[in-house]
Protein backbone atom coordinates (compact mmCIF):
# COMPACT_ATOMS: atom_id res chain seq x y z
CA UNK A 1 0.07 -0.11 -0.29
CA UNK A 2 2.87 2.28 0.79
CA UNK A 3 4.71 1.59 -2.60
CA UNK A 4 1.12 2.53 -4.50
CA UNK A 5 0.99 5.86 -2.43
CA UNK A 6 4.65 6.65 -3.61
CA UNK A 7 3.98 5.56 -7.12
CA UNK A 8 0.63 7.95 -7.05
CA UNK A 9 2.74 10.89 -5.45
CA UNK A 10 5.48 10.46 -8.57
CA UNK A 11 2.95 10.35 -11.51
CA UNK A 12 2.73 13.40 -13.28
CA UNK A 13 0.06 12.23 -15.72
CA UNK A 14 -2.68 14.08 -13.93
CA UNK A 15 -0.72 17.12 -13.82
CA UNK A 16 -0.05 17.49 -17.67
CA UNK A 17 -3.56 17.29 -18.26
CA UNK A 18 -4.18 20.24 -15.74
CA UNK A 19 -1.74 21.87 -17.62
CA UNK A 20 -3.27 21.55 -20.58
CA UNK A 21 -7.02 22.34 -19.73
CA UNK A 22 -5.69 25.40 -18.36
CA UNK A 23 -3.51 26.45 -21.44
CA UNK A 24 -6.75 25.73 -23.54
CA UNK A 25 -9.06 27.86 -21.46
CA UNK A 26 -6.62 30.87 -21.68
CA UNK A 27 -6.77 30.20 -25.50
CA UNK A 28 -10.10 30.29 -26.03
CA UNK A 29 -10.55 33.07 -23.36
CA UNK A 30 -8.17 35.43 -25.68
CA UNK A 31 -9.97 34.16 -28.63
CA UNK A 32 -13.41 34.87 -27.30
CA UNK A 33 -12.02 38.63 -25.94
CA UNK A 34 -10.49 39.33 -29.79
CA UNK A 35 -13.69 38.56 -31.26
CA UNK A 36 -15.72 40.49 -29.05
CA UNK A 37 -13.49 43.22 -29.79
CA UNK A 38 -13.45 42.54 -33.47
CA UNK A 39 -17.11 42.31 -33.79
CA UNK A 40 -17.63 45.98 -31.88
CA UNK A 41 -14.99 47.43 -34.29
CA UNK A 42 -16.65 46.15 -37.21
CA UNK A 43 -20.39 46.92 -35.95
CA UNK A 44 -19.22 50.77 -35.41
CA UNK A 45 -17.14 51.02 -38.74
CA UNK A 46 -20.53 49.58 -40.56
CA UNK A 47 -22.52 52.28 -38.41
CA UNK A 48 -20.11 54.94 -39.76
CA UNK A 49 -20.30 53.99 -43.13
CA UNK A 50 -23.87 53.54 -43.52
CA UNK A 51 -24.40 57.03 -41.88
CA UNK A 52 -21.47 58.58 -44.61
CA UNK A 53 -23.49 57.05 -47.43
CA UNK A 54 -26.99 57.89 -46.27
CA UNK A 55 -25.63 61.49 -46.07
CA UNK A 56 -23.72 61.35 -49.44
CA UNK A 57 -27.52 59.78 -50.89
CA UNK A 58 -29.45 63.10 -49.26
CA UNK A 59 -26.85 65.25 -50.73
CA UNK A 60 -27.51 63.60 -54.18
CA UNK A 61 -31.15 63.62 -54.31
CA UNK A 62 -31.38 67.49 -52.84
CA UNK A 63 -29.82 68.37 -56.29
CA UNK A 64 -31.80 70.74 -58.18
CA UNK A 65 -31.97 67.93 -61.15
CA UNK A 66 -31.07 65.13 -58.95
CA UNK A 67 -28.07 64.21 -60.88
CA UNK A 68 -24.45 64.89 -59.87
CA UNK A 69 -22.86 67.33 -61.71
CA UNK A 70 -26.18 68.49 -63.34
């Protein structure tokens, strides 16, 4: 029984598994944070582009002839 306990204490297979689980969790956490940041910035950029295009459409439609340079 004492030999079993000594061997169990020396066995590092479980420690390696825990290391990999922690490392994988860290990578997944960083990926989620990066995705969230990219998504937020992309939505803001799309909104800015939409506002700019909408403002250009208003400017074009308010010209007297309805055409640019007309």
